N, C-alpha and C. Protein backbone atom coordinates (compact mmCIF):
# COMPACT_ATOMS: atom_id res chain seq x y z
N MET A 1 -6.50 60.19 -9.19
CA MET A 1 -7.48 60.86 -10.00
C MET A 1 -6.83 61.98 -10.80
N LYS A 2 -7.30 62.16 -11.98
CA LYS A 2 -6.76 63.21 -12.85
C LYS A 2 -7.20 64.59 -12.37
N PRO A 3 -6.25 65.53 -12.21
CA PRO A 3 -6.62 66.88 -11.77
C PRO A 3 -7.51 67.60 -12.79
N LEU A 4 -8.52 68.31 -12.29
CA LEU A 4 -9.43 69.05 -13.17
C LEU A 4 -9.28 70.56 -13.01
N GLY A 5 -8.41 71.00 -12.10
CA GLY A 5 -8.22 72.43 -11.91
C GLY A 5 -9.16 73.07 -10.90
N TYR A 6 -9.88 72.27 -10.13
CA TYR A 6 -10.78 72.79 -9.12
C TYR A 6 -10.13 72.67 -7.75
N THR A 7 -10.60 73.44 -6.78
CA THR A 7 -10.11 73.33 -5.42
C THR A 7 -10.66 72.05 -4.78
N ASN A 8 -10.08 71.67 -3.65
CA ASN A 8 -10.59 70.50 -2.94
C ASN A 8 -12.05 70.66 -2.56
N GLY A 9 -12.44 71.86 -2.13
CA GLY A 9 -13.84 72.12 -1.78
C GLY A 9 -14.76 71.99 -2.98
N GLN A 10 -14.32 72.50 -4.12
CA GLN A 10 -15.13 72.40 -5.33
C GLN A 10 -15.28 70.94 -5.76
N MET A 11 -14.19 70.19 -5.68
CA MET A 11 -14.26 68.77 -6.05
C MET A 11 -15.15 68.00 -5.08
N ALA A 12 -15.12 68.38 -3.81
CA ALA A 12 -16.01 67.75 -2.84
C ALA A 12 -17.46 67.99 -3.22
N ALA A 13 -17.79 69.23 -3.60
CA ALA A 13 -19.15 69.55 -4.01
C ALA A 13 -19.55 68.77 -5.25
N LEU A 14 -18.66 68.67 -6.22
CA LEU A 14 -18.98 67.94 -7.45
C LEU A 14 -19.16 66.45 -7.22
N SER A 15 -18.45 65.90 -6.25
CA SER A 15 -18.52 64.45 -6.05
C SER A 15 -19.48 64.05 -4.94
N GLY A 16 -20.04 65.05 -4.24
CA GLY A 16 -21.01 64.75 -3.21
C GLY A 16 -20.41 64.33 -1.88
N VAL A 17 -19.11 64.56 -1.68
CA VAL A 17 -18.53 64.26 -0.37
C VAL A 17 -18.63 65.49 0.52
N LYS A 18 -18.43 65.32 1.82
CA LYS A 18 -18.72 66.35 2.81
C LYS A 18 -17.98 67.66 2.58
N ASP A 19 -16.67 67.62 2.41
CA ASP A 19 -15.88 68.85 2.29
C ASP A 19 -14.51 68.54 1.69
N GLY A 20 -13.68 69.58 1.58
CA GLY A 20 -12.35 69.42 1.00
C GLY A 20 -11.48 68.44 1.76
N ASN A 21 -11.64 68.38 3.07
CA ASN A 21 -10.87 67.41 3.86
C ASN A 21 -11.22 65.99 3.46
N GLN A 22 -12.51 65.73 3.27
CA GLN A 22 -12.93 64.41 2.81
C GLN A 22 -12.38 64.13 1.41
N TRP A 23 -12.46 65.13 0.54
CA TRP A 23 -11.98 64.95 -0.83
C TRP A 23 -10.50 64.56 -0.85
N ARG A 24 -9.70 65.18 0.01
CA ARG A 24 -8.27 64.89 0.05
C ARG A 24 -7.98 63.44 0.41
N LYS A 25 -8.90 62.79 1.08
CA LYS A 25 -8.71 61.37 1.40
C LYS A 25 -8.71 60.52 0.13
N TYR A 26 -9.33 61.03 -0.93
CA TYR A 26 -9.34 60.32 -2.21
C TYR A 26 -8.14 60.65 -3.08
N THR A 27 -7.48 61.75 -2.79
CA THR A 27 -6.39 62.20 -3.66
C THR A 27 -5.04 62.23 -2.96
N GLY A 28 -5.01 61.96 -1.66
CA GLY A 28 -3.78 61.99 -0.91
C GLY A 28 -2.93 60.76 -1.18
N SER A 29 -1.84 60.66 -0.45
CA SER A 29 -0.94 59.55 -0.68
C SER A 29 -0.68 58.72 0.58
N ASN A 30 -1.62 58.73 1.52
CA ASN A 30 -1.40 58.07 2.81
C ASN A 30 -2.19 56.80 3.06
N PRO A 31 -2.40 55.84 2.36
CA PRO A 31 -2.65 55.79 0.92
C PRO A 31 -4.02 56.38 0.61
N SER A 32 -4.22 56.76 -0.62
CA SER A 32 -5.50 57.37 -0.97
C SER A 32 -6.63 56.33 -0.94
N ARG A 33 -7.83 56.83 -0.67
CA ARG A 33 -9.03 56.00 -0.57
C ARG A 33 -9.61 55.79 -1.97
N SER A 34 -10.19 54.63 -2.19
CA SER A 34 -10.88 54.37 -3.45
C SER A 34 -12.24 55.04 -3.42
N MET A 35 -12.62 55.66 -4.53
CA MET A 35 -13.93 56.31 -4.61
C MET A 35 -14.96 55.28 -5.05
N SER A 36 -16.12 55.33 -4.42
CA SER A 36 -17.18 54.39 -4.78
C SER A 36 -17.70 54.71 -6.19
N VAL A 37 -18.26 53.70 -6.81
CA VAL A 37 -18.83 53.89 -8.15
C VAL A 37 -19.95 54.93 -8.13
N PRO A 38 -20.87 54.91 -7.14
CA PRO A 38 -21.91 55.95 -7.14
C PRO A 38 -21.35 57.37 -7.02
N ALA A 39 -20.33 57.57 -6.18
CA ALA A 39 -19.75 58.90 -6.04
C ALA A 39 -19.05 59.33 -7.33
N LEU A 40 -18.34 58.41 -7.96
CA LEU A 40 -17.67 58.73 -9.22
C LEU A 40 -18.69 58.99 -10.33
N PHE A 41 -19.77 58.21 -10.34
CA PHE A 41 -20.84 58.43 -11.32
C PHE A 41 -21.44 59.82 -11.15
N TYR A 42 -21.69 60.21 -9.90
CA TYR A 42 -22.25 61.53 -9.60
C TYR A 42 -21.31 62.63 -10.08
N LEU A 43 -20.02 62.46 -9.83
CA LEU A 43 -19.02 63.43 -10.29
C LEU A 43 -19.04 63.52 -11.81
N ALA A 44 -19.03 62.37 -12.48
CA ALA A 44 -19.03 62.36 -13.94
C ALA A 44 -20.32 62.97 -14.50
N ALA A 45 -21.45 62.72 -13.84
CA ALA A 45 -22.72 63.31 -14.29
C ALA A 45 -22.66 64.82 -14.19
N GLN A 46 -22.10 65.34 -13.09
CA GLN A 46 -21.98 66.79 -12.91
C GLN A 46 -21.16 67.41 -14.03
N LEU A 47 -20.13 66.69 -14.49
CA LEU A 47 -19.23 67.22 -15.51
C LEU A 47 -19.72 66.98 -16.94
N SER A 48 -20.67 66.05 -17.11
CA SER A 48 -21.05 65.62 -18.46
C SER A 48 -22.43 66.04 -18.93
N LEU A 49 -23.41 66.02 -18.02
CA LEU A 49 -24.79 66.23 -18.44
C LEU A 49 -25.12 67.71 -18.65
N THR A 50 -25.92 67.96 -19.63
CA THR A 50 -26.45 69.31 -19.81
C THR A 50 -27.47 69.55 -18.70
N PRO A 51 -27.82 70.80 -18.42
CA PRO A 51 -28.85 71.05 -17.41
C PRO A 51 -30.16 70.34 -17.71
N ASP A 52 -30.56 70.28 -18.98
CA ASP A 52 -31.80 69.59 -19.35
C ASP A 52 -31.69 68.09 -19.09
N ASP A 53 -30.54 67.49 -19.44
CA ASP A 53 -30.34 66.06 -19.18
C ASP A 53 -30.35 65.78 -17.68
N PHE A 54 -29.72 66.66 -16.91
CA PHE A 54 -29.68 66.48 -15.46
C PHE A 54 -31.10 66.53 -14.90
N GLU A 55 -31.90 67.45 -15.40
CA GLU A 55 -33.29 67.55 -14.95
C GLU A 55 -34.08 66.30 -15.33
N ARG A 56 -33.79 65.71 -16.49
CA ARG A 56 -34.47 64.47 -16.87
C ARG A 56 -34.15 63.35 -15.88
N VAL A 57 -32.91 63.29 -15.43
CA VAL A 57 -32.53 62.29 -14.43
C VAL A 57 -33.30 62.54 -13.12
N LEU A 58 -33.39 63.81 -12.72
CA LEU A 58 -34.15 64.14 -11.51
C LEU A 58 -35.61 63.74 -11.66
N GLU A 59 -36.18 63.99 -12.82
CA GLU A 59 -37.57 63.60 -13.06
C GLU A 59 -37.74 62.09 -12.91
N LYS A 60 -36.79 61.32 -13.42
CA LYS A 60 -36.85 59.86 -13.28
C LYS A 60 -36.76 59.48 -11.82
N MET A 61 -35.88 60.14 -11.07
CA MET A 61 -35.75 59.89 -9.64
C MET A 61 -37.07 60.16 -8.93
N ARG A 62 -37.72 61.28 -9.30
CA ARG A 62 -39.01 61.62 -8.70
C ARG A 62 -40.08 60.59 -9.03
N SER A 63 -40.03 60.09 -10.27
CA SER A 63 -41.05 59.12 -10.69
C SER A 63 -40.95 57.81 -9.93
N ILE A 64 -39.79 57.54 -9.32
CA ILE A 64 -39.65 56.32 -8.53
C ILE A 64 -39.65 56.61 -7.03
N GLY A 65 -40.08 57.85 -6.67
CA GLY A 65 -40.32 58.14 -5.28
C GLY A 65 -39.42 59.15 -4.59
N ALA A 66 -38.41 59.67 -5.25
CA ALA A 66 -37.51 60.63 -4.59
C ALA A 66 -38.19 61.99 -4.46
N ASP A 67 -37.85 62.67 -3.39
CA ASP A 67 -38.30 64.05 -3.18
C ASP A 67 -37.04 64.91 -3.26
N VAL A 68 -36.70 65.34 -4.47
CA VAL A 68 -35.41 65.99 -4.70
C VAL A 68 -35.55 67.15 -5.68
N THR A 69 -34.75 68.19 -5.47
CA THR A 69 -34.70 69.31 -6.40
C THR A 69 -33.28 69.45 -6.92
N ALA A 70 -33.14 70.11 -8.05
CA ALA A 70 -31.81 70.33 -8.63
C ALA A 70 -30.93 71.11 -7.68
N GLU A 71 -31.50 72.06 -6.98
CA GLU A 71 -30.71 72.89 -6.06
C GLU A 71 -30.10 72.06 -4.93
N GLU A 72 -30.78 70.98 -4.57
CA GLU A 72 -30.27 70.13 -3.48
C GLU A 72 -29.05 69.33 -3.89
N ILE A 73 -28.97 68.93 -5.15
CA ILE A 73 -27.90 68.01 -5.54
C ILE A 73 -27.05 68.48 -6.71
N ALA A 74 -27.26 69.66 -7.20
CA ALA A 74 -26.50 70.11 -8.38
C ALA A 74 -25.47 71.17 -8.02
N PRO A 75 -24.35 70.77 -7.41
CA PRO A 75 -23.38 71.78 -6.98
C PRO A 75 -22.73 72.55 -8.12
N LYS A 76 -22.83 72.07 -9.36
CA LYS A 76 -22.20 72.83 -10.43
C LYS A 76 -22.91 74.17 -10.65
N THR A 77 -24.09 74.34 -10.09
CA THR A 77 -24.77 75.62 -10.19
C THR A 77 -24.38 76.54 -9.04
N HIS A 78 -23.60 76.02 -8.10
CA HIS A 78 -23.17 76.81 -6.94
C HIS A 78 -22.14 77.85 -7.38
N LYS A 79 -22.25 79.06 -6.88
CA LYS A 79 -21.37 80.14 -7.35
C LYS A 79 -19.91 79.94 -7.00
N SER A 80 -19.57 79.03 -6.08
CA SER A 80 -18.16 78.81 -5.76
C SER A 80 -17.47 77.95 -6.81
N LEU A 81 -18.24 77.36 -7.72
CA LEU A 81 -17.65 76.53 -8.76
C LEU A 81 -17.52 77.30 -10.07
N PRO A 82 -16.37 77.13 -10.74
CA PRO A 82 -16.27 77.71 -12.07
C PRO A 82 -17.27 76.98 -12.98
N SER A 83 -17.61 77.58 -14.08
CA SER A 83 -18.55 76.91 -14.97
C SER A 83 -17.94 75.59 -15.44
N VAL A 84 -18.78 74.59 -15.49
CA VAL A 84 -18.35 73.25 -15.87
C VAL A 84 -18.78 73.01 -17.31
N PRO A 85 -17.81 72.67 -18.19
CA PRO A 85 -18.21 72.39 -19.56
C PRO A 85 -19.09 71.15 -19.60
N THR A 86 -20.15 71.20 -20.35
CA THR A 86 -21.05 70.05 -20.46
C THR A 86 -20.78 69.33 -21.76
N ALA A 87 -21.40 68.17 -21.90
CA ALA A 87 -21.23 67.37 -23.11
C ALA A 87 -21.65 68.17 -24.34
N ALA A 88 -22.70 68.97 -24.21
CA ALA A 88 -23.19 69.75 -25.34
C ALA A 88 -22.20 70.83 -25.75
N ALA A 89 -21.45 71.35 -24.79
CA ALA A 89 -20.49 72.43 -25.09
C ALA A 89 -19.16 71.88 -25.58
N ALA A 90 -18.91 70.60 -25.34
CA ALA A 90 -17.63 70.00 -25.72
C ALA A 90 -17.54 69.72 -27.20
């Protein structure tokens, strides 16, 4: 995986894996683990979507039955993460 300049813990938060130790399993060399498409999609969404776009996705999730809030799944708003450039800012 291409380095983004975040710590292992920050990358774990962005990709939805448990912690930095789990994240290292994807980036290590013993051999490294393949990341699932859903986890990679979640990571890319965190890095790409504007807050409004992310909320639209959550609304769609709610409309099909999910009980979810942005705070539950949006680690880019967590203070341990540096600000993430969004598609709108790029």
